Amino acid sequence: MSRILIVEDEERIASFVEKGLRSNGFTTTVASDGETAYDYACTGGFDLVVLDIGLPGKDGFTVLREMREARVSVPVIVLTARDSVRDTVAGLEGGADDWMTKPFRFEELLARVRLRLRTAARAPEVTVLRSGGLSLDLRTRRARSGERTVDLTAREFVLLELFLRHPDQVLSREQILSHVWGYDFDPGSNIVDVYVRALRKKLGAERVETVRGMGYRLPTGQEAGRTG
């Protein structure tokens, strides 16, 4: 079942799109501002994003740019009232996969969603993630740190996969919690810190860097080696 993030600050439109997609078998989450949308998108928990441009806080162009800079490759369909050629070109060149203007017919949006999901599914599947001397085989669920093979628990595997899909990106504890343990997990828990310590013990203390007051990141290249 495909998971779709709907980024829309107008409640009536968000509800209309959400109900339509759910009735067609999709799982949906709604974000009503740019900051929340970016945080959700970076969890890796979605197969497609429907993105408005006029948002509180960060606008859709900024969210899209920062997603692509963070190597978030999930397909994005922009759904906006802006219909100028300049805006359309800016959105597509900024990393959007499709552009629709409001008012719109839901049947057309649904067709475009299905098309983008099919296109993404045909992309070559990555089976081994690599970064800075670390590798993770998604089929065997084995990690390698240098020449060592490392066995991981199920949660450690998901946590390391998240880091390897976002090398050098600072991930907040909230982002990690939502991806590894689910959105309803207690945000006050120290479980993230416990599992990061477990990964460091197995992979090497230098593998995961603490960014004080912000979260954790997987450093690469010359920066690897500092744990903060």
C-alpha atoms as a PDB file:
ATOM      1  CA  MET A   1       0.000   0.000   0.000  1.00  0.00           C
ATOM      2  CA  SER A   2       1.571   3.289  -1.123  1.00  0.00           C
ATOM      3  CA  ARG A   3       2.030   6.063   1.421  1.00  0.00           C
ATOM      4  CA  ILE A   4       1.339   9.627   0.307  1.00  0.00           C
ATOM      5  CA  LEU A   5       2.200  12.878   2.078  1.00  0.00           C
ATOM      6  CA  ILE A   6      -0.287  15.659   1.340  1.00  0.00           C
ATOM      7  CA  VAL A   7       1.171  19.112   1.986  1.00  0.00           C
ATOM      8  CA  GLU A   8      -1.691  21.618   1.976  1.00  0.00           C
ATOM      9  CA  ASP A   9      -2.592  24.420   4.397  1.00  0.00           C
ATOM     10  CA  GLU A  10      -6.191  24.859   3.191  1.00  0.00           C
ATOM     11  CA  GLU A  11      -8.133  22.333   5.264  1.00  0.00           C
ATOM     12  CA  ARG A  12     -10.972  21.912   2.770  1.00  0.00           C
ATOM     13  CA  ILE A  13      -8.623  20.967  -0.080  1.00  0.00           C
ATOM     14  CA  ALA A  14      -6.447  18.757   2.127  1.00  0.00           C
ATOM     15  CA  SER A  15      -9.522  16.853   3.333  1.00  0.00           C
ATOM     16  CA  PHE A  16     -10.848  16.460  -0.225  1.00  0.00           C
ATOM     17  CA  VAL A  17      -7.549  15.063  -1.518  1.00  0.00           C
ATOM     18  CA  GLU A  18      -7.040  12.845   1.522  1.00  0.00           C
ATOM     19  CA  LYS A  19     -10.524  11.287   1.328  1.00  0.00           C
ATOM     20  CA  GLY A  20     -10.165  10.672  -2.395  1.00  0.00           C
ATOM     21  CA  LEU A  21      -6.773   9.004  -2.090  1.00  0.00           C
ATOM     22  CA  ARG A  22      -7.819   6.878   0.896  1.00  0.00           C
ATOM     23  CA  SER A  23     -10.913   5.675  -0.947  1.00  0.00           C
ATOM     24  CA  ASN A  24      -8.573   4.478  -3.694  1.00  0.00           C
ATOM     25  CA  GLY A  25      -6.425   2.435  -1.341  1.00  0.00           C
ATOM     26  CA  PHE A  26      -3.632   4.832  -0.393  1.00  0.00           C
ATOM     27  CA  THR A  27      -2.345   5.587   3.092  1.00  0.00           C
ATOM     28  CA  THR A  28      -2.172   9.354   3.668  1.00  0.00           C
ATOM     29  CA  THR A  29      -0.662  11.885   6.049  1.00  0.00           C
ATOM     30  CA  VAL A  30      -1.385  15.631   5.927  1.00  0.00           C
ATOM     31  CA  ALA A  31       1.111  18.394   6.737  1.00  0.00           C
ATOM     32  CA  SER A  32      -0.161  21.977   6.799  1.00  0.00           C
ATOM     33  CA  ASP A  33       3.123  23.920   6.886  1.00  0.00           C
ATOM     34  CA  GLY A  34       6.524  23.753   5.229  1.00  0.00           C
ATOM     35  CA  GLU A  35       8.599  22.831   8.273  1.00  0.00           C
ATOM     36  CA  THR A  36       6.416  19.840   9.113  1.00  0.00           C
ATOM     37  CA  ALA A  37       6.324  18.775   5.466  1.00  0.00           C
ATOM     38  CA  TYR A  38      10.117  18.758   5.208  1.00  0.00           C
ATOM     39  CA  ASP A  39      10.511  16.790   8.440  1.00  0.00           C
ATOM     40  CA  TYR A  40       8.005  14.173   7.300  1.00  0.00           C
ATOM     41  CA  ALA A  41       9.534  13.888   3.825  1.00  0.00           C
ATOM     42  CA  CYS A  42      12.993  13.286   5.279  1.00  0.00           C
ATOM     43  CA  THR A  43      11.829  10.285   7.301  1.00  0.00           C
ATOM     44  CA  GLY A  44      11.762   8.177   4.148  1.00  0.00           C
ATOM     45  CA  GLY A  45       8.308   6.965   5.118  1.00  0.00           C
ATOM     46  CA  PHE A  46       6.461   8.098   1.981  1.00  0.00           C
ATOM     47  CA  ASP A  47       6.243   6.940  -1.622  1.00  0.00           C
ATOM     48  CA  LEU A  48       4.993  10.249  -3.051  1.00  0.00           C
ATOM     49  CA  VAL A  49       4.367  13.857  -1.995  1.00  0.00           C
ATOM     50  CA  VAL A  50       1.526  16.106  -3.170  1.00  0.00           C
ATOM     51  CA  LEU A  51       2.896  19.589  -2.483  1.00  0.00           C
ATOM     52  CA  ASP A  52       1.244  23.008  -2.364  1.00  0.00           C
ATOM     53  CA  ILE A  53       3.435  26.079  -2.966  1.00  0.00           C
ATOM     54  CA  GLY A  54       1.731  28.711  -0.793  1.00  0.00           C
ATOM     55  CA  LEU A  55       2.472  27.375   2.689  1.00  0.00           C
ATOM     56  CA  PRO A  56       3.021  28.952   6.114  1.00  0.00           C
ATOM     57  CA  GLY A  57       6.687  29.134   7.082  1.00  0.00           C
ATOM     58  CA  LYS A  58       8.724  27.578   4.301  1.00  0.00           C
ATOM     59  CA  ASP A  59       6.941  27.807   0.959  1.00  0.00           C
ATOM     60  CA  GLY A  60       6.692  24.807  -1.334  1.00  0.00           C
ATOM     61  CA  PHE A  61       9.638  25.881  -3.479  1.00  0.00           C
ATOM     62  CA  THR A  62      11.874  25.931  -0.395  1.00  0.00           C
ATOM     63  CA  VAL A  63      10.583  22.571   0.842  1.00  0.00           C
ATOM     64  CA  LEU A  64      11.212  21.040  -2.584  1.00  0.00           C
ATOM     65  CA  ARG A  65      14.713  22.504  -2.879  1.00  0.00           C
ATOM     66  CA  GLU A  66      15.721  21.369   0.601  1.00  0.00           C
ATOM     67  CA  MET A  67      14.318  17.883  -0.011  1.00  0.00           C
ATOM     68  CA  ARG A  68      16.423  17.480  -3.135  1.00  0.00           C
ATOM     69  CA  GLU A  69      19.503  18.944  -1.433  1.00  0.00           C
ATOM     70  CA  ALA A  70      19.004  16.348   1.321  1.00  0.00           C
ATOM     71  CA  ARG A  71      18.846  13.613  -1.364  1.00  0.00           C
ATOM     72  CA  VAL A  72      15.189  12.867  -0.728  1.00  0.00           C
ATOM     73  CA  SER A  73      14.223  11.406  -4.098  1.00  0.00           C
ATOM     74  CA  VAL A  74      10.536  10.646  -3.472  1.00  0.00           C
ATOM     75  CA  PRO A  75       8.335  11.755  -6.418  1.00  0.00           C
ATOM     76  CA  VAL A  76       6.675  15.150  -5.927  1.00  0.00           C
ATOM     77  CA  ILE A  77       3.509  16.394  -7.611  1.00  0.00           C
ATOM     78  CA  VAL A  78       3.019  20.125  -7.097  1.00  0.00           C
ATOM     79  CA  LEU A  79      -0.656  21.088  -6.675  1.00  0.00           C
ATOM     80  CA  THR A  80      -0.990  24.875  -6.613  1.00  0.00           C
ATOM     81  CA  ALA A  81      -3.067  27.865  -7.636  1.00  0.00           C
ATOM     82  CA  ARG A  82       0.005  29.355  -9.324  1.00  0.00           C
ATOM     83  CA  ASP A  83      -0.297  28.913 -13.065  1.00  0.00           C
ATOM     84  CA  SER A  84       2.398  31.113 -14.569  1.00  0.00           C
ATOM     85  CA  VAL A  85       4.947  29.551 -16.915  1.00  0.00           C
ATOM     86  CA  ARG A  86       7.719  30.988 -14.757  1.00  0.00           C
ATOM     87  CA  ASP A  87       6.465  29.230 -11.612  1.00  0.00           C
ATOM     88  CA  THR A  88       5.883  25.970 -13.471  1.00  0.00           C
ATOM     89  CA  VAL A  89       9.395  25.976 -14.927  1.00  0.00           C
ATOM     90  CA  ALA A  90      10.896  26.883 -11.538  1.00  0.00           C
ATOM     91  CA  GLY A  91       9.074  23.996  -9.886  1.00  0.00           C
ATOM     92  CA  LEU A  92      10.020  21.403 -12.476  1.00  0.00           C
ATOM     93  CA  GLU A  93      13.624  22.539 -12.631  1.00  0.00           C
ATOM     94  CA  GLY A  94      13.694  22.586  -8.830  1.00  0.00           C
ATOM     95  CA  GLY A  95      12.959  18.883  -8.647  1.00  0.00           C
ATOM     96  CA  ALA A  96       9.186  18.447  -9.018  1.00  0.00           C
ATOM     97  CA  ASP A  97       8.083  15.453 -11.078  1.00  0.00           C
ATOM     98  CA  ASP A  98       4.748  16.955 -12.085  1.00  0.00           C
ATOM     99  CA  TRP A  99       2.761  20.205 -11.808  1.00  0.00           C
ATOM    100  CA  MET A 100      -1.015  20.659 -11.503  1.00  0.00           C
ATOM    101  CA  THR A 101      -2.941  23.880 -11.058  1.00  0.00           C
ATOM    102  CA  LYS A 102      -6.039  24.542  -8.961  1.00  0.00           C
ATOM    103  CA  PRO A 103      -8.947  24.201  -9.494  1.00  0.00           C
ATOM    104  CA  PHE A 104      -8.399  20.575 -10.497  1.00  0.00           C
ATOM    105  CA  ARG A 105     -10.300  17.373 -11.136  1.00  0.00           C
ATOM    106  CA  PHE A 106      -9.527  14.637  -8.638  1.00  0.00           C
ATOM    107  CA  GLU A 107      -9.588  11.980 -11.383  1.00  0.00           C
ATOM    108  CA  GLU A 108      -6.664  13.714 -13.095  1.00  0.00           C
ATOM    109  CA  LEU A 109      -4.696  13.993  -9.851  1.00  0.00           C
ATOM    110  CA  LEU A 110      -5.309  10.300  -9.164  1.00  0.00           C
ATOM    111  CA  ALA A 111      -4.076   9.358 -12.639  1.00  0.00           C
ATOM    112  CA  ARG A 112      -0.912  11.384 -12.159  1.00  0.00           C
ATOM    113  CA  VAL A 113      -0.294   9.881  -8.715  1.00  0.00           C
ATOM    114  CA  ARG A 114      -0.567   6.374 -10.132  1.00  0.00           C
ATOM    115  CA  LEU A 115       1.703   7.244 -13.058  1.00  0.00           C
ATOM    116  CA  ARG A 116       4.438   8.662 -10.818  1.00  0.00           C
ATOM    117  CA  LEU A 117       4.267   5.665  -8.492  1.00  0.00           C
ATOM    118  CA  ARG A 118       4.583   3.255 -11.438  1.00  0.00           C
ATOM    119  CA  THR A 119       7.529   5.218 -12.827  1.00  0.00           C
ATOM    120  CA  ALA A 120       9.277   5.215  -9.449  1.00  0.00           C
ATOM    121  CA  ALA A 121       8.681   1.470  -9.065  1.00  0.00           C
ATOM    122  CA  ARG A 122      10.477   0.805 -12.358  1.00  0.00           C
ATOM    123  CA  ALA A 123      13.632   2.573 -11.173  1.00  0.00           C
ATOM    124  CA  PRO A 124      16.594   0.240 -10.498  1.00  0.00           C
ATOM    125  CA  GLU A 125      16.364  -1.072  -6.959  1.00  0.00           C
ATOM    126  CA  VAL A 126      19.267  -0.240  -4.668  1.00  0.00           C
ATOM    127  CA  THR A 127      20.249  -3.334  -2.698  1.00  0.00           C
ATOM    128  CA  VAL A 128      23.428  -2.126  -0.983  1.00  0.00           C
ATOM    129  CA  LEU A 129      23.822   1.282   0.679  1.00  0.00           C
ATOM    130  CA  ARG A 130      27.371   2.619   1.095  1.00  0.00           C
ATOM    131  CA  SER A 131      28.953   5.641   2.743  1.00  0.00           C
ATOM    132  CA  GLY A 132      32.313   6.415   4.352  1.00  0.00           C
ATOM    133  CA  GLY A 133      33.551   2.839   4.715  1.00  0.00           C
ATOM    134  CA  LEU A 134      30.161   1.527   5.834  1.00  0.00           C
ATOM    135  CA  SER A 135      27.886  -0.684   3.776  1.00  0.00           C
ATOM    136  CA  LEU A 136      24.474  -2.221   4.419  1.00  0.00           C
ATOM    137  CA  ASP A 137      23.072  -5.072   2.341  1.00  0.00           C
ATOM    138  CA  LEU A 138      19.285  -4.648   2.281  1.00  0.00           C
ATOM    139  CA  ARG A 139      18.739  -8.268   1.240  1.00  0.00           C
ATOM    140  CA  THR A 140      20.890 -10.085   3.808  1.00  0.00           C
ATOM    141  CA  ARG A 141      20.439  -7.318   6.432  1.00  0.00           C
ATOM    142  CA  ARG A 142      24.158  -7.455   7.152  1.00  0.00           C
ATOM    143  CA  ALA A 143      26.369  -4.431   7.711  1.00  0.00           C
ATOM    144  CA  ARG A 144      30.079  -4.051   7.051  1.00  0.00           C
ATOM    145  CA  SER A 145      32.351  -1.564   8.768  1.00  0.00           C
ATOM    146  CA  GLY A 146      35.649  -1.614   6.913  1.00  0.00           C
ATOM    147  CA  GLU A 147      36.513  -5.308   6.667  1.00  0.00           C
ATOM    148  CA  ARG A 148      34.261  -6.414   9.528  1.00  0.00           C
ATOM    149  CA  THR A 149      30.826  -7.978   9.056  1.00  0.00           C
ATOM    150  CA  VAL A 150      28.364  -6.829  11.696  1.00  0.00           C
ATOM    151  CA  ASP A 151      25.088  -8.460  12.743  1.00  0.00           C
ATOM    152  CA  LEU A 152      22.294  -6.003  13.583  1.00  0.00           C
ATOM    153  CA  THR A 153      18.982  -6.259  15.387  1.00  0.00           C
ATOM    154  CA  ALA A 154      15.848  -5.313  13.430  1.00  0.00           C
ATOM    155  CA  ARG A 155      15.723  -1.793  14.931  1.00  0.00           C
ATOM    156  CA  GLU A 156      19.465  -1.247  14.480  1.00  0.00           C
ATOM    157  CA  PHE A 157      19.092  -2.221  10.838  1.00  0.00           C
ATOM    158  CA  VAL A 158      16.299   0.310  10.213  1.00  0.00           C
ATOM    159  CA  LEU A 159      18.241   3.025  12.066  1.00  0.00           C
ATOM    160  CA  LEU A 160      21.431   2.421  10.084  1.00  0.00           C
ATOM    161  CA  GLU A 161      19.467   2.329   6.836  1.00  0.00           C
ATOM    162  CA  LEU A 162      18.004   5.742   7.692  1.00  0.00           C
ATOM    163  CA  PHE A 163      21.473   7.200   8.320  1.00  0.00           C
ATOM    164  CA  LEU A 164      22.907   5.674   5.138  1.00  0.00           C
ATOM    165  CA  ARG A 165      20.075   7.054   3.031  1.00  0.00           C
ATOM    166  CA  HIS A 166      20.846  10.533   4.398  1.00  0.00           C
ATOM    167  CA  PRO A 167      24.658  10.757   4.747  1.00  0.00           C
ATOM    168  CA  ASP A 168      25.968  13.998   6.270  1.00  0.00           C
ATOM    169  CA  GLN A 169      22.400  15.135   7.026  1.00  0.00           C
ATOM    170  CA  VAL A 170      21.518  15.996  10.610  1.00  0.00           C
ATOM    171  CA  LEU A 171      18.515  13.917  11.696  1.00  0.00           C
ATOM    172  CA  SER A 172      16.590  15.091  14.742  1.00  0.00           C
ATOM    173  CA  ARG A 173      15.504  12.650  17.420  1.00  0.00           C
ATOM    174  CA  GLU A 174      11.895  13.293  16.364  1.00  0.00           C
ATOM    175  CA  GLN A 175      12.671  12.360  12.738  1.00  0.00           C
ATOM    176  CA  ILE A 176      14.429   9.184  13.850  1.00  0.00           C
ATOM    177  CA  LEU A 177      11.611   8.250  16.229  1.00  0.00           C
ATOM    178  CA  SER A 178       8.958   8.721  13.561  1.00  0.00           C
ATOM    179  CA  HIS A 179      10.844   6.624  11.005  1.00  0.00           C
ATOM    180  CA  VAL A 180      12.141   3.791  13.183  1.00  0.00           C
ATOM    181  CA  TRP A 181       9.450   3.534  15.872  1.00  0.00           C
ATOM    182  CA  GLY A 182       6.395   5.214  14.340  1.00  0.00           C
ATOM    183  CA  TYR A 183       4.727   8.590  14.683  1.00  0.00           C
ATOM    184  CA  ASP A 184       2.949   7.754  17.938  1.00  0.00           C
ATOM    185  CA  PHE A 185       6.103   6.902  19.893  1.00  0.00           C
ATOM    186  CA  ASP A 186       6.774   8.924  23.043  1.00  0.00           C
ATOM    187  CA  PRO A 187       8.920  11.926  21.954  1.00  0.00           C
ATOM    188  CA  GLY A 188      10.337  12.179  25.474  1.00  0.00           C
ATOM    189  CA  SER A 189      11.896   8.725  25.302  1.00  0.00           C
ATOM    190  CA  ASN A 190      15.685   8.283  25.222  1.00  0.00           C
ATOM    191  CA  ILE A 191      15.389   5.189  23.016  1.00  0.00           C
ATOM    192  CA  VAL A 192      17.138   6.938  20.099  1.00  0.00           C
ATOM    193  CA  ASP A 193      20.204   7.657  22.227  1.00  0.00           C
ATOM    194  CA  VAL A 194      20.254   4.041  23.421  1.00  0.00           C
ATOM    195  CA  TYR A 195      20.229   2.671  19.881  1.00  0.00           C
ATOM    196  CA  VAL A 196      22.799   5.168  18.611  1.00  0.00           C
ATOM    197  CA  ARG A 197      25.133   3.986  21.381  1.00  0.00           C
ATOM    198  CA  ALA A 198      24.482   0.397  20.305  1.00  0.00           C
ATOM    199  CA  LEU A 199      25.374   1.229  16.687  1.00  0.00           C
ATOM    200  CA  ARG A 200      28.556   2.986  17.781  1.00  0.00           C
ATOM    201  CA  LYS A 201      29.566  -0.053  19.830  1.00  0.00           C
ATOM    202  CA  LYS A 202      29.113  -2.350  16.832  1.00  0.00           C
ATOM    203  CA  LEU A 203      30.349  -0.091  14.029  1.00  0.00           C
ATOM    204  CA  GLY A 204      32.842   2.202  15.751  1.00  0.00           C
ATOM    205  CA  ALA A 205      32.377   5.282  17.908  1.00  0.00           C
ATOM    206  CA  GLU A 206      33.276   7.582  15.014  1.00  0.00           C
ATOM    207  CA  ARG A 207      30.480   6.340  12.765  1.00  0.00           C
ATOM    208  CA  VAL A 208      27.626   8.446  14.191  1.00  0.00           C
ATOM    209  CA  GLU A 209      28.228  12.059  15.143  1.00  0.00           C
ATOM    210  CA  THR A 210      26.257  13.920  17.815  1.00  0.00           C
ATOM    211  CA  VAL A 211      25.236  17.421  16.706  1.00  0.00           C
ATOM    212  CA  ARG A 212      24.512  19.068  20.034  1.00  0.00           C
ATOM    213  CA  GLY A 213      20.992  20.419  20.408  1.00  0.00           C
ATOM    214  CA  MET A 214      19.979  19.097  16.986  1.00  0.00           C
ATOM    215  CA  GLY A 215      20.373  15.322  16.667  1.00  0.00           C
ATOM    216  CA  TYR A 216      22.701  12.877  14.957  1.00  0.00           C
ATOM    217  CA  ARG A 217      24.319  12.439  11.587  1.00  0.00           C
ATOM    218  CA  LEU A 218      26.431   9.930   9.704  1.00  0.00           C
ATOM    219  CA  PRO A 219      29.602  11.820   8.716  1.00  0.00           C
ATOM    220  CA  THR A 220      31.442  10.916   5.535  1.00  0.00           C
ATOM    221  CA  GLY A 221      34.855  11.635   4.100  1.00  0.00           C
ATOM    222  CA  GLN A 222      37.310  13.677   6.133  1.00  0.00           C
ATOM    223  CA  GLU A 223      34.688  14.623   8.733  1.00  0.00           C
ATOM    224  CA  ALA A 224      34.222  11.040   9.917  1.00  0.00           C
ATOM    225  CA  GLY A 225      35.818  10.485  13.274  1.00  0.00           C
ATOM    226  CA  ARG A 226      34.171  13.154  15.446  1.00  0.00           C
ATOM    227  CA  THR A 227      31.387  12.100  17.808  1.00  0.00           C
ATOM    228  CA  GLY A 228      30.756  15.505  19.402  1.00  0.00           C
END
